[in-house]
Amino acid sequence: MIKVENLSKSYGRIKAVDDVSFEIDKGQIVGLLGPNGAGKTTLMKILTCYHYQDSGKAFIDGIDVSQEPDQVKNKIGYLPETAPLYTEMCVNEYLDFIAEARGFRKGEKKQRIEQTVVDTGLSEVFYRPIRQLSKGYRQRVGLAQAIIHSPQILILDEPTTGLDPNQIIEIRKLITDIGKSKTVILSTHIMQEVEAVCSNVIIVNRGKIVAEGETASISTKLKGSSTLETVLVDSANRFADEQSLEKQLAAVEEFLKIESIVKNGSEFSVVLDVKDDNSALVMFNTAVSNNLKIKSLSSKHFSLEDVFRQLTN
């Protein structure tokens, strides 16, 4: 549905997008995640034909964005960070204008407006001036103009910026509902937003892609493990020191790396990198087989925020 090949774009000496390549399949909601200035907006503007790349290629549904921009614009809906609204208009007037601009006439225009109002929850404010609307409703109007022509691809740049918590939840739910039938790229620097809405994530830093994959598993893919912390009690005095216990634990396949072992009397405080599957059970069995008691046991899974901070600092 979306294919990007070796895309680059510079502003003077600043390389905003640097040799970026990725593909997005039909029906995915993809989070484009990165710190401010990472190149997210530039990349989206190239995909929506508002900017042209210096090199590389980008395709929307097989159409080259630099060769056939009008065809591309018919296939996408775009909500920039600042919604393109005429605030002196009422909502109904604005959507009528957008529908006209998209080429709809008479009955078809009426049908598209009615469906869009239902999809975006604008019925209560349909006849109100846009300038009187809350930021949340203005974002809904912005989404309405992006989907009124029923595009298969929706590109949203920071859609929840400046909203209060309740408005954020409403807009996220709206995006999730829209994403059930469309391909969505959602630009943000908020990890919780990606985890709440997106099935896949692309992390961008300084114009380059530093990670990509499924949102639920990207942390595991990048880290390859989670951390297990335990305190073992050696009542039988089987292990004289840290090294003797380390040797025993190192032989267990599921224990990927021993971060630290500290002995305090008969107790050993142990921190391990482990495989996610059944790591607690493996530790339990290891303790039993070595006549050790488990005083405490806890695990820490790396979050998307942990990965983001590591890759972008």
C-alpha atoms as a PDB file:
ATOM      1  CA  MET A   1       0.000   0.000   0.000  1.00  0.00           C
ATOM      2  CA  ILE A   2       2.843   2.403   0.914  1.00  0.00           C
ATOM      3  CA  LYS A   3       6.403   1.805  -0.239  1.00  0.00           C
ATOM      4  CA  VAL A   4       9.388   4.070   0.415  1.00  0.00           C
ATOM      5  CA  GLU A   5      12.793   3.425  -1.156  1.00  0.00           C
ATOM      6  CA  ASN A   6      15.981   5.230  -0.094  1.00  0.00           C
ATOM      7  CA  LEU A   7      14.166   8.534   0.461  1.00  0.00           C
ATOM      8  CA  SER A   8      16.224  11.628   1.350  1.00  0.00           C
ATOM      9  CA  LYS A   9      15.379  15.304   1.844  1.00  0.00           C
ATOM     10  CA  SER A  10      17.587  18.180   3.006  1.00  0.00           C
ATOM     11  CA  TYR A  11      16.967  21.777   3.980  1.00  0.00           C
ATOM     12  CA  GLY A  12      20.277  23.467   3.312  1.00  0.00           C
ATOM     13  CA  ARG A  13      22.833  21.610   5.402  1.00  0.00           C
ATOM     14  CA  ILE A  14      20.195  19.885   7.516  1.00  0.00           C
ATOM     15  CA  LYS A  15      19.280  16.387   6.358  1.00  0.00           C
ATOM     16  CA  ALA A  16      15.705  15.959   7.524  1.00  0.00           C
ATOM     17  CA  VAL A  17      15.183  12.526   5.922  1.00  0.00           C
ATOM     18  CA  ASP A  18      18.249  10.371   5.342  1.00  0.00           C
ATOM     19  CA  ASP A  19      18.034   7.290   3.070  1.00  0.00           C
ATOM     20  CA  VAL A  20      14.762   5.988   4.543  1.00  0.00           C
ATOM     21  CA  SER A  21      13.091   2.781   3.308  1.00  0.00           C
ATOM     22  CA  PHE A  22      10.000   0.952   4.591  1.00  0.00           C
ATOM     23  CA  GLU A  23       6.725  -0.685   3.500  1.00  0.00           C
ATOM     24  CA  ILE A  24       3.261  -0.496   5.065  1.00  0.00           C
ATOM     25  CA  ASP A  25       0.621  -3.073   4.217  1.00  0.00           C
ATOM     26  CA  LYS A  26      -3.075  -2.467   3.734  1.00  0.00           C
ATOM     27  CA  GLY A  27      -5.122  -2.179   6.935  1.00  0.00           C
ATOM     28  CA  GLN A  28      -2.264  -1.357   9.322  1.00  0.00           C
ATOM     29  CA  ILE A  29      -2.189   1.526  11.815  1.00  0.00           C
ATOM     30  CA  VAL A  30       1.478   2.499  11.940  1.00  0.00           C
ATOM     31  CA  GLY A  31       2.978   4.850  14.498  1.00  0.00           C
ATOM     32  CA  LEU A  32       5.730   7.091  13.148  1.00  0.00           C
ATOM     33  CA  LEU A  33       7.546   7.721  16.400  1.00  0.00           C
ATOM     34  CA  GLY A  34      10.426  10.074  17.059  1.00  0.00           C
ATOM     35  CA  PRO A  35      11.573  13.138  19.011  1.00  0.00           C
ATOM     36  CA  ASN A  36      10.839  16.650  17.770  1.00  0.00           C
ATOM     37  CA  GLY A  37      12.934  17.376  14.683  1.00  0.00           C
ATOM     38  CA  ALA A  38      13.443  13.701  13.828  1.00  0.00           C
ATOM     39  CA  GLY A  39      12.045  14.092  10.296  1.00  0.00           C
ATOM     40  CA  LYS A  40       8.531  12.733  10.797  1.00  0.00           C
ATOM     41  CA  THR A  41       6.675  15.736   9.357  1.00  0.00           C
ATOM     42  CA  THR A  42       9.006  16.023   6.360  1.00  0.00           C
ATOM     43  CA  LEU A  43       8.483  12.367   5.563  1.00  0.00           C
ATOM     44  CA  MET A  44       4.706  12.782   5.751  1.00  0.00           C
ATOM     45  CA  LYS A  45       4.759  15.874   3.565  1.00  0.00           C
ATOM     46  CA  ILE A  46       6.645  13.930   0.901  1.00  0.00           C
ATOM     47  CA  LEU A  47       4.094  11.119   1.040  1.00  0.00           C
ATOM     48  CA  THR A  48       1.247  13.637   0.713  1.00  0.00           C
ATOM     49  CA  CYS A  49       2.938  15.513  -2.172  1.00  0.00           C
ATOM     50  CA  TYR A  50       3.422  18.769  -0.251  1.00  0.00           C
ATOM     51  CA  HIS A  51       7.204  18.411  -0.534  1.00  0.00           C
ATOM     52  CA  TYR A  52       9.397  16.629  -3.065  1.00  0.00           C
ATOM     53  CA  GLN A  53      12.303  14.421  -2.085  1.00  0.00           C
ATOM     54  CA  ASP A  54      15.880  15.100  -3.150  1.00  0.00           C
ATOM     55  CA  SER A  55      16.440  11.433  -3.955  1.00  0.00           C
ATOM     56  CA  GLY A  56      14.769   8.054  -3.637  1.00  0.00           C
ATOM     57  CA  LYS A  57      11.200   7.049  -4.424  1.00  0.00           C
ATOM     58  CA  ALA A  58       7.859   6.787  -2.634  1.00  0.00           C
ATOM     59  CA  PHE A  59       4.764   4.974  -3.859  1.00  0.00           C
ATOM     60  CA  ILE A  60       1.150   5.154  -2.718  1.00  0.00           C
ATOM     61  CA  ASP A  61      -0.802   2.124  -3.930  1.00  0.00           C
ATOM     62  CA  GLY A  62       1.830   1.677  -6.648  1.00  0.00           C
ATOM     63  CA  ILE A  63       1.727   5.336  -7.786  1.00  0.00           C
ATOM     64  CA  ASP A  64       4.941   7.396  -7.669  1.00  0.00           C
ATOM     65  CA  VAL A  65       4.273  10.466  -5.492  1.00  0.00           C
ATOM     66  CA  SER A  66       6.611  12.672  -7.506  1.00  0.00           C
ATOM     67  CA  GLN A  67       5.261  11.595 -10.905  1.00  0.00           C
ATOM     68  CA  GLU A  68       1.482  11.496 -10.317  1.00  0.00           C
ATOM     69  CA  PRO A  69       0.744  13.767  -7.327  1.00  0.00           C
ATOM     70  CA  ASP A  70      -2.914  14.378  -8.257  1.00  0.00           C
ATOM     71  CA  GLN A  71      -3.643  10.649  -8.334  1.00  0.00           C
ATOM     72  CA  VAL A  72      -1.872  10.218  -5.004  1.00  0.00           C
ATOM     73  CA  LYS A  73      -3.894  13.018  -3.377  1.00  0.00           C
ATOM     74  CA  ASN A  74      -7.106  11.297  -4.438  1.00  0.00           C
ATOM     75  CA  LYS A  75      -6.041   8.179  -2.551  1.00  0.00           C
ATOM     76  CA  ILE A  76      -4.975   9.761   0.737  1.00  0.00           C
ATOM     77  CA  GLY A  77      -6.482  11.815   3.512  1.00  0.00           C
ATOM     78  CA  TYR A  78      -4.119  14.172   5.342  1.00  0.00           C
ATOM     79  CA  LEU A  79      -4.438  15.936   8.678  1.00  0.00           C
ATOM     80  CA  PRO A  80      -1.422  18.181   9.308  1.00  0.00           C
ATOM     81  CA  GLU A  81      -0.415  19.162  12.834  1.00  0.00           C
ATOM     82  CA  THR A  82      -2.447  22.362  12.490  1.00  0.00           C
ATOM     83  CA  ALA A  83      -5.845  21.430  11.088  1.00  0.00           C
ATOM     84  CA  PRO A  84      -6.621  23.327   7.822  1.00  0.00           C
ATOM     85  CA  LEU A  85      -9.859  24.978   8.962  1.00  0.00           C
ATOM     86  CA  TYR A  86     -11.709  28.124   7.924  1.00  0.00           C
ATOM     87  CA  THR A  87     -12.896  29.184  11.354  1.00  0.00           C
ATOM     88  CA  GLU A  88     -15.390  31.762  10.082  1.00  0.00           C
ATOM     89  CA  MET A  89     -17.399  28.960   8.476  1.00  0.00           C
ATOM     90  CA  CYS A  90     -19.886  26.689  10.216  1.00  0.00           C
ATOM     91  CA  VAL A  91     -19.063  22.983  10.220  1.00  0.00           C
ATOM     92  CA  ASN A  92     -21.724  22.202   7.614  1.00  0.00           C
ATOM     93  CA  GLU A  93     -20.459  24.992   5.317  1.00  0.00           C
ATOM     94  CA  TYR A  94     -16.866  23.850   5.666  1.00  0.00           C
ATOM     95  CA  LEU A  95     -17.619  20.201   4.896  1.00  0.00           C
ATOM     96  CA  ASP A  96     -19.768  21.260   1.940  1.00  0.00           C
ATOM     97  CA  PHE A  97     -16.814  23.277   0.623  1.00  0.00           C
ATOM     98  CA  ILE A  98     -14.385  20.348   1.112  1.00  0.00           C
ATOM     99  CA  ALA A  99     -16.775  17.939  -0.609  1.00  0.00           C
ATOM    100  CA  GLU A 100     -17.097  20.334  -3.559  1.00  0.00           C
ATOM    101  CA  ALA A 101     -13.316  20.646  -3.746  1.00  0.00           C
ATOM    102  CA  ARG A 102     -13.084  16.851  -3.819  1.00  0.00           C
ATOM    103  CA  GLY A 103     -15.416  16.767  -6.808  1.00  0.00           C
ATOM    104  CA  PHE A 104     -18.635  15.549  -5.192  1.00  0.00           C
ATOM    105  CA  ARG A 105     -21.941  16.950  -6.425  1.00  0.00           C
ATOM    106  CA  LYS A 106     -25.584  16.922  -5.272  1.00  0.00           C
ATOM    107  CA  GLY A 107     -26.754  13.575  -3.902  1.00  0.00           C
ATOM    108  CA  GLU A 108     -23.302  12.051  -3.671  1.00  0.00           C
ATOM    109  CA  LYS A 109     -22.006  15.116  -1.845  1.00  0.00           C
ATOM    110  CA  LYS A 110     -24.879  14.986   0.653  1.00  0.00           C
ATOM    111  CA  GLN A 111     -24.271  11.291   1.267  1.00  0.00           C
ATOM    112  CA  ARG A 112     -20.540  11.741   1.851  1.00  0.00           C
ATOM    113  CA  ILE A 113     -21.084  14.626   4.282  1.00  0.00           C
ATOM    114  CA  GLU A 114     -23.726  12.716   6.252  1.00  0.00           C
ATOM    115  CA  GLN A 115     -21.541   9.625   6.527  1.00  0.00           C
ATOM    116  CA  THR A 116     -18.480  11.648   7.537  1.00  0.00           C
ATOM    117  CA  VAL A 117     -20.428  13.482  10.251  1.00  0.00           C
ATOM    118  CA  VAL A 118     -21.514  10.133  11.685  1.00  0.00           C
ATOM    119  CA  ASP A 119     -17.980   8.695  11.477  1.00  0.00           C
ATOM    120  CA  THR A 120     -16.413  11.670  13.279  1.00  0.00           C
ATOM    121  CA  GLY A 121     -19.176  12.410  15.791  1.00  0.00           C
ATOM    122  CA  LEU A 122     -19.926  15.956  14.605  1.00  0.00           C
ATOM    123  CA  SER A 123     -23.730  15.822  14.674  1.00  0.00           C
ATOM    124  CA  GLU A 124     -24.045  18.009  17.775  1.00  0.00           C
ATOM    125  CA  VAL A 125     -21.933  20.839  16.321  1.00  0.00           C
ATOM    126  CA  PHE A 126     -22.868  20.512  12.637  1.00  0.00           C
ATOM    127  CA  TYR A 127     -24.374  24.000  12.390  1.00  0.00           C
ATOM    128  CA  ARG A 128     -21.998  25.762  14.771  1.00  0.00           C
ATOM    129  CA  PRO A 129     -19.177  28.134  13.690  1.00  0.00           C
ATOM    130  CA  ILE A 130     -15.819  26.373  13.790  1.00  0.00           C
ATOM    131  CA  ARG A 131     -14.303  29.266  15.782  1.00  0.00           C
ATOM    132  CA  GLN A 132     -16.644  28.408  18.678  1.00  0.00           C
ATOM    133  CA  LEU A 133     -15.598  24.764  18.858  1.00  0.00           C
ATOM    134  CA  SER A 134     -13.273  23.214  21.414  1.00  0.00           C
ATOM    135  CA  LYS A 135      -9.854  21.984  20.289  1.00  0.00           C
ATOM    136  CA  GLY A 136     -11.156  18.420  20.396  1.00  0.00           C
ATOM    137  CA  TYR A 137     -14.057  19.176  18.059  1.00  0.00           C
ATOM    138  CA  ARG A 138     -11.769  21.162  15.755  1.00  0.00           C
ATOM    139  CA  GLN A 139      -9.594  18.050  15.461  1.00  0.00           C
ATOM    140  CA  ARG A 140     -12.702  16.070  14.604  1.00  0.00           C
ATOM    141  CA  VAL A 141     -13.504  18.566  11.855  1.00  0.00           C
ATOM    142  CA  GLY A 142      -9.915  18.206  10.641  1.00  0.00           C
ATOM    143  CA  LEU A 143     -10.325  14.435  10.534  1.00  0.00           C
ATOM    144  CA  ALA A 144     -13.630  14.891   8.711  1.00  0.00           C
ATOM    145  CA  GLN A 145     -11.981  16.828   5.884  1.00  0.00           C
ATOM    146  CA  ALA A 146      -9.321  14.102   5.669  1.00  0.00           C
ATOM    147  CA  ILE A 147     -11.787  11.223   5.267  1.00  0.00           C
ATOM    148  CA  ILE A 148     -14.717  12.837   3.439  1.00  0.00           C
ATOM    149  CA  HIS A 149     -13.644  11.321   0.110  1.00  0.00           C
ATOM    150  CA  SER A 150     -13.265   7.865   1.743  1.00  0.00           C
ATOM    151  CA  PRO A 151      -9.526   7.448   1.105  1.00  0.00           C
ATOM    152  CA  GLN A 152      -7.860   4.115   1.749  1.00  0.00           C
ATOM    153  CA  ILE A 153      -4.809   5.787   3.297  1.00  0.00           C
ATOM    154  CA  LEU A 154      -4.955   8.296   6.160  1.00  0.00           C
ATOM    155  CA  ILE A 155      -1.897  10.307   7.254  1.00  0.00           C
ATOM    156  CA  LEU A 156      -2.139  12.116  10.602  1.00  0.00           C
ATOM    157  CA  ASP A 157       0.557  14.445  11.954  1.00  0.00           C
ATOM    158  CA  GLU A 158       0.436  14.811  15.757  1.00  0.00           C
ATOM    159  CA  PRO A 159      -3.391  14.546  15.863  1.00  0.00           C
ATOM    160  CA  THR A 160      -3.705  14.859  19.666  1.00  0.00           C
ATOM    161  CA  THR A 161      -1.334  17.783  20.248  1.00  0.00           C
ATOM    162  CA  GLY A 162      -2.839  20.332  22.639  1.00  0.00           C
ATOM    163  CA  LEU A 163      -5.830  18.225  23.644  1.00  0.00           C
ATOM    164  CA  ASP A 164      -6.887  17.534  27.224  1.00  0.00           C
ATOM    165  CA  PRO A 165      -6.885  13.897  28.483  1.00  0.00           C
ATOM    166  CA  ASN A 166     -10.577  13.303  27.704  1.00  0.00           C
ATOM    167  CA  GLN A 167     -10.210  14.732  24.201  1.00  0.00           C
ATOM    168  CA  ILE A 168      -7.116  12.600  23.606  1.00  0.00           C
ATOM    169  CA  ILE A 169      -9.049   9.438  24.488  1.00  0.00           C
ATOM    170  CA  GLU A 170     -11.890  10.455  22.166  1.00  0.00           C
ATOM    171  CA  ILE A 171      -9.576  11.161  19.210  1.00  0.00           C
ATOM    172  CA  ARG A 172      -7.626   7.931  19.782  1.00  0.00           C
ATOM    173  CA  LYS A 173     -10.859   5.938  19.734  1.00  0.00           C
ATOM    174  CA  LEU A 174     -11.915   7.728  16.569  1.00  0.00           C
ATOM    175  CA  ILE A 175      -8.594   6.898  14.881  1.00  0.00           C
ATOM    176  CA  THR A 176      -8.871   3.265  15.984  1.00  0.00           C
ATOM    177  CA  ASP A 177     -12.368   3.004  14.512  1.00  0.00           C
ATOM    178  CA  ILE A 178     -11.269   4.617  11.245  1.00  0.00           C
ATOM    179  CA  GLY A 179      -8.244   2.323  11.118  1.00  0.00           C
ATOM    180  CA  LYS A 180     -10.460  -0.769  10.976  1.00  0.00           C
ATOM    181  CA  SER A 181     -11.079  -0.086   7.292  1.00  0.00           C
ATOM    182  CA  LYS A 182      -8.091   2.086   6.273  1.00  0.00           C
ATOM    183  CA  THR A 183      -4.310   2.195   6.338  1.00  0.00           C
ATOM    184  CA  VAL A 184      -3.201   4.852   8.829  1.00  0.00           C
ATOM    185  CA  ILE A 185       0.155   6.529   9.490  1.00  0.00           C
ATOM    186  CA  LEU A 186       0.100   8.341  12.813  1.00  0.00           C
ATOM    187  CA  SER A 187       2.986  10.677  13.619  1.00  0.00           C
ATOM    188  CA  THR A 188       3.680  11.285  17.291  1.00  0.00           C
ATOM    189  CA  HIS A 189       6.396  11.551  19.914  1.00  0.00           C
ATOM    190  CA  ILE A 190       4.125  10.113  22.628  1.00  0.00           C
ATOM    191  CA  MET A 191       4.814   6.439  23.373  1.00  0.00           C
ATOM    192  CA  GLN A 192       1.453   5.879  25.063  1.00  0.00           C
ATOM    193  CA  GLU A 193      -0.269   6.999  21.881  1.00  0.00           C
ATOM    194  CA  VAL A 194       1.483   4.384  19.790  1.00  0.00           C
ATOM    195  CA  GLU A 195       0.832   1.629  22.319  1.00  0.00           C
ATOM    196  CA  ALA A 196      -2.854   2.591  22.563  1.00  0.00           C
ATOM    197  CA  VAL A 197      -3.596   2.927  18.843  1.00  0.00           C
ATOM    198  CA  CYS A 198      -0.963   1.382  16.570  1.00  0.00           C
ATOM    199  CA  SER A 199      -0.341  -2.182  15.447  1.00  0.00           C
ATOM    200  CA  ASN A 200       3.140  -1.365  14.110  1.00  0.00           C
ATOM    201  CA  VAL A 201       5.750   1.284  14.822  1.00  0.00           C
ATOM    202  CA  ILE A 202       8.563   2.986  12.917  1.00  0.00           C
ATOM    203  CA  ILE A 203      11.034   4.861  15.142  1.00  0.00           C
ATOM    204  CA  VAL A 204      12.848   7.743  13.455  1.00  0.00           C
ATOM    205  CA  ASN A 205      15.811   9.691  14.818  1.00  0.00           C
ATOM    206  CA  ARG A 206      17.842  12.370  13.026  1.00  0.00           C
ATOM    207  CA  GLY A 207      16.232  11.495   9.714  1.00  0.00           C
ATOM    208  CA  LYS A 208      16.959   7.775   9.877  1.00  0.00           C
ATOM    209  CA  ILE A 209      14.849   4.757  10.799  1.00  0.00           C
ATOM    210  CA  VAL A 210      16.407   3.237  13.904  1.00  0.00           C
ATOM    211  CA  ALA A 211      13.785   0.524  14.538  1.00  0.00           C
ATOM    212  CA  GLU A 212      10.542  -0.850  13.116  1.00  0.00           C
ATOM    213  CA  GLY A 213       8.183  -3.725  13.816  1.00  0.00           C
ATOM    214  CA  GLU A 214       5.012  -4.748  15.617  1.00  0.00           C
ATOM    215  CA  THR A 215       4.241  -2.477  18.548  1.00  0.00           C
ATOM    216  CA  ALA A 216       3.575  -5.358  20.935  1.00  0.00           C
ATOM    217  CA  SER A 217       6.865  -7.119  20.250  1.00  0.00           C
ATOM    218  CA  ILE A 218       9.366  -4.472  19.147  1.00  0.00           C
ATOM    219  CA  SER A 219      10.800  -4.129  22.649  1.00  0.00           C
ATOM    220  CA  THR A 220      11.474  -7.853  22.842  1.00  0.00           C
ATOM    221  CA  LYS A 221      12.865  -7.933  19.317  1.00  0.00           C
ATOM    222  CA  LEU A 222      15.327  -5.146  20.058  1.00  0.00           C
ATOM    223  CA  LYS A 223      16.275  -6.143  23.577  1.00  0.00           C
ATOM    224  CA  GLY A 224      15.923  -9.871  23.011  1.00  0.00           C
ATOM    225  CA  SER A 225      15.160 -10.478  26.688  1.00  0.00           C
ATOM    226  CA  SER A 226      13.566  -9.306  29.887  1.00  0.00           C
ATOM    227  CA  THR A 227      15.160  -8.975  33.312  1.00  0.00           C
ATOM    228  CA  LEU A 228      14.601 -11.387  36.192  1.00  0.00           C
ATOM    229  CA  GLU A 229      15.552 -10.353  39.719  1.00  0.00           C
ATOM    230  CA  THR A 230      15.626 -12.892  42.526  1.00  0.00           C
ATOM    231  CA  VAL A 231      16.997 -13.441  46.012  1.00  0.00           C
ATOM    232  CA  LEU A 232      18.102 -17.039  46.599  1.00  0.00           C
ATOM    233  CA  VAL A 233      18.711 -18.482  50.071  1.00  0.00           C
ATOM    234  CA  ASP A 234      21.493 -21.076  50.303  1.00  0.00           C
ATOM    235  CA  SER A 235      20.517 -22.737  53.603  1.00  0.00           C
ATOM    236  CA  ALA A 236      22.610 -25.820  52.818  1.00  0.00           C
ATOM    237  CA  ASN A 237      25.754 -23.749  52.120  1.00  0.00           C
ATOM    238  CA  ARG A 238      26.253 -25.356  48.717  1.00  0.00           C
ATOM    239  CA  PHE A 239      27.798 -22.231  47.164  1.00  0.00           C
ATOM    240  CA  ALA A 240      30.814 -20.681  48.814  1.00  0.00           C
ATOM    241  CA  ASP A 241      30.862 -17.516  46.735  1.00  0.00           C
ATOM    242  CA  GLU A 242      29.302 -15.628  43.792  1.00  0.00           C
ATOM    243  CA  GLN A 243      31.481 -17.377  41.239  1.00  0.00           C
ATOM    244  CA  SER A 244      30.310 -20.850  42.166  1.00  0.00           C
ATOM    245  CA  LEU A 245      26.633 -19.882  41.832  1.00  0.00           C
ATOM    246  CA  GLU A 246      27.335 -17.996  38.605  1.00  0.00           C
ATOM    247  CA  LYS A 247      28.859 -21.108  37.078  1.00  0.00           C
ATOM    248  CA  GLN A 248      25.724 -23.102  37.921  1.00  0.00           C
ATOM    249  CA  LEU A 249      23.323 -20.471  36.546  1.00  0.00           C
ATOM    250  CA  ALA A 250      25.381 -19.928  33.383  1.00  0.00           C
ATOM    251  CA  ALA A 251      24.711 -23.537  32.397  1.00  0.00           C
ATOM    252  CA  VAL A 252      20.958 -22.885  32.131  1.00  0.00           C
ATOM    253  CA  GLU A 253      20.021 -22.172  28.497  1.00  0.00           C
ATOM    254  CA  GLU A 254      17.105 -19.843  29.329  1.00  0.00           C
ATOM    255  CA  PHE A 255      19.380 -17.534  31.321  1.00  0.00           C
ATOM    256  CA  LEU A 256      20.892 -15.388  28.567  1.00  0.00           C
ATOM    257  CA  LYS A 257      23.190 -13.218  30.659  1.00  0.00           C
ATOM    258  CA  ILE A 258      24.051 -12.872  34.324  1.00  0.00           C
ATOM    259  CA  GLU A 259      24.059  -9.149  35.078  1.00  0.00           C
ATOM    260  CA  SER A 260      25.053  -9.381  38.735  1.00  0.00           C
ATOM    261  CA  ILE A 261      25.297 -11.690  41.752  1.00  0.00           C
ATOM    262  CA  VAL A 262      25.824 -10.292  45.255  1.00  0.00           C
ATOM    263  CA  LYS A 263      26.318 -12.556  48.311  1.00  0.00           C
ATOM    264  CA  ASN A 264      25.126 -11.424  51.727  1.00  0.00           C
ATOM    265  CA  GLY A 265      25.461 -14.181  54.298  1.00  0.00           C
ATOM    266  CA  SER A 266      23.433 -17.127  53.038  1.00  0.00           C
ATOM    267  CA  GLU A 267      21.527 -14.998  50.501  1.00  0.00           C
ATOM    268  CA  PHE A 268      22.404 -14.283  46.864  1.00  0.00           C
ATOM    269  CA  SER A 269      20.823 -11.316  45.066  1.00  0.00           C
ATOM    270  CA  VAL A 270      20.766 -12.223  41.374  1.00  0.00           C
ATOM    271  CA  VAL A 271      19.888 -10.176  38.265  1.00  0.00           C
ATOM    272  CA  LEU A 272      19.558 -12.077  34.971  1.00  0.00           C
ATOM    273  CA  ASP A 273      18.640 -11.375  31.360  1.00  0.00           C
ATOM    274  CA  VAL A 274      16.233 -14.165  30.476  1.00  0.00           C
ATOM    275  CA  LYS A 275      14.012 -15.409  27.694  1.00  0.00           C
ATOM    276  CA  ASP A 276      10.438 -14.270  28.248  1.00  0.00           C
ATOM    277  CA  ASP A 277       8.810 -17.701  28.036  1.00  0.00           C
ATOM    278  CA  ASN A 278       8.585 -19.545  31.373  1.00  0.00           C
ATOM    279  CA  SER A 279      11.612 -17.772  32.867  1.00  0.00           C
ATOM    280  CA  ALA A 280      10.090 -17.706  36.367  1.00  0.00           C
ATOM    281  CA  LEU A 281       9.335 -21.445  36.179  1.00  0.00           C
ATOM    282  CA  VAL A 282      12.889 -22.143  34.984  1.00  0.00           C
ATOM    283  CA  MET A 283      14.284 -20.204  37.931  1.00  0.00           C
ATOM    284  CA  PHE A 284      12.021 -22.113  40.316  1.00  0.00           C
ATOM    285  CA  ASN A 285      13.177 -25.467  38.938  1.00  0.00           C
ATOM    286  CA  THR A 286      16.820 -24.361  39.016  1.00  0.00           C
ATOM    287  CA  ALA A 287      16.513 -23.319  42.648  1.00  0.00           C
ATOM    288  CA  VAL A 288      14.874 -26.628  43.641  1.00  0.00           C
ATOM    289  CA  SER A 289      17.498 -28.716  41.836  1.00  0.00           C
ATOM    290  CA  ASN A 290      20.267 -26.841  43.654  1.00  0.00           C
ATOM    291  CA  ASN A 291      18.590 -26.969  47.081  1.00  0.00           C
ATOM    292  CA  LEU A 292      18.041 -23.190  47.097  1.00  0.00           C
ATOM    293  CA  LYS A 293      15.036 -21.339  48.445  1.00  0.00           C
ATOM    294  CA  ILE A 294      13.525 -18.375  46.604  1.00  0.00           C
ATOM    295  CA  LYS A 295      13.011 -15.437  48.930  1.00  0.00           C
ATOM    296  CA  SER A 296      11.773 -13.059  46.205  1.00  0.00           C
ATOM    297  CA  LEU A 297      11.293 -13.161  42.447  1.00  0.00           C
ATOM    298  CA  SER A 298      10.276 -10.416  40.034  1.00  0.00           C
ATOM    299  CA  SER A 299      10.619  -9.669  36.326  1.00  0.00           C
ATOM    300  CA  LYS A 300      10.899  -6.463  34.335  1.00  0.00           C
ATOM    301  CA  HIS A 301       9.835  -6.252  30.704  1.00  0.00           C
ATOM    302  CA  PHE A 302      11.309  -3.493  28.585  1.00  0.00           C
ATOM    303  CA  SER A 303       8.664  -1.010  27.459  1.00  0.00           C
ATOM    304  CA  LEU A 304       8.440   0.867  24.192  1.00  0.00           C
ATOM    305  CA  GLU A 305       9.520   3.950  26.135  1.00  0.00           C
ATOM    306  CA  ASP A 306      12.700   2.163  27.289  1.00  0.00           C
ATOM    307  CA  VAL A 307      13.520   1.280  23.687  1.00  0.00           C
ATOM    308  CA  PHE A 308      12.673   4.780  22.452  1.00  0.00           C
ATOM    309  CA  ARG A 309      14.963   6.439  25.004  1.00  0.00           C
ATOM    310  CA  GLN A 310      17.802   4.072  24.217  1.00  0.00           C
ATOM    311  CA  LEU A 311      17.551   4.610  20.450  1.00  0.00           C
ATOM    312  CA  THR A 312      17.052   8.386  20.443  1.00  0.00           C
ATOM    313  CA  ASN A 313      19.432   9.575  23.170  1.00  0.00           C
END
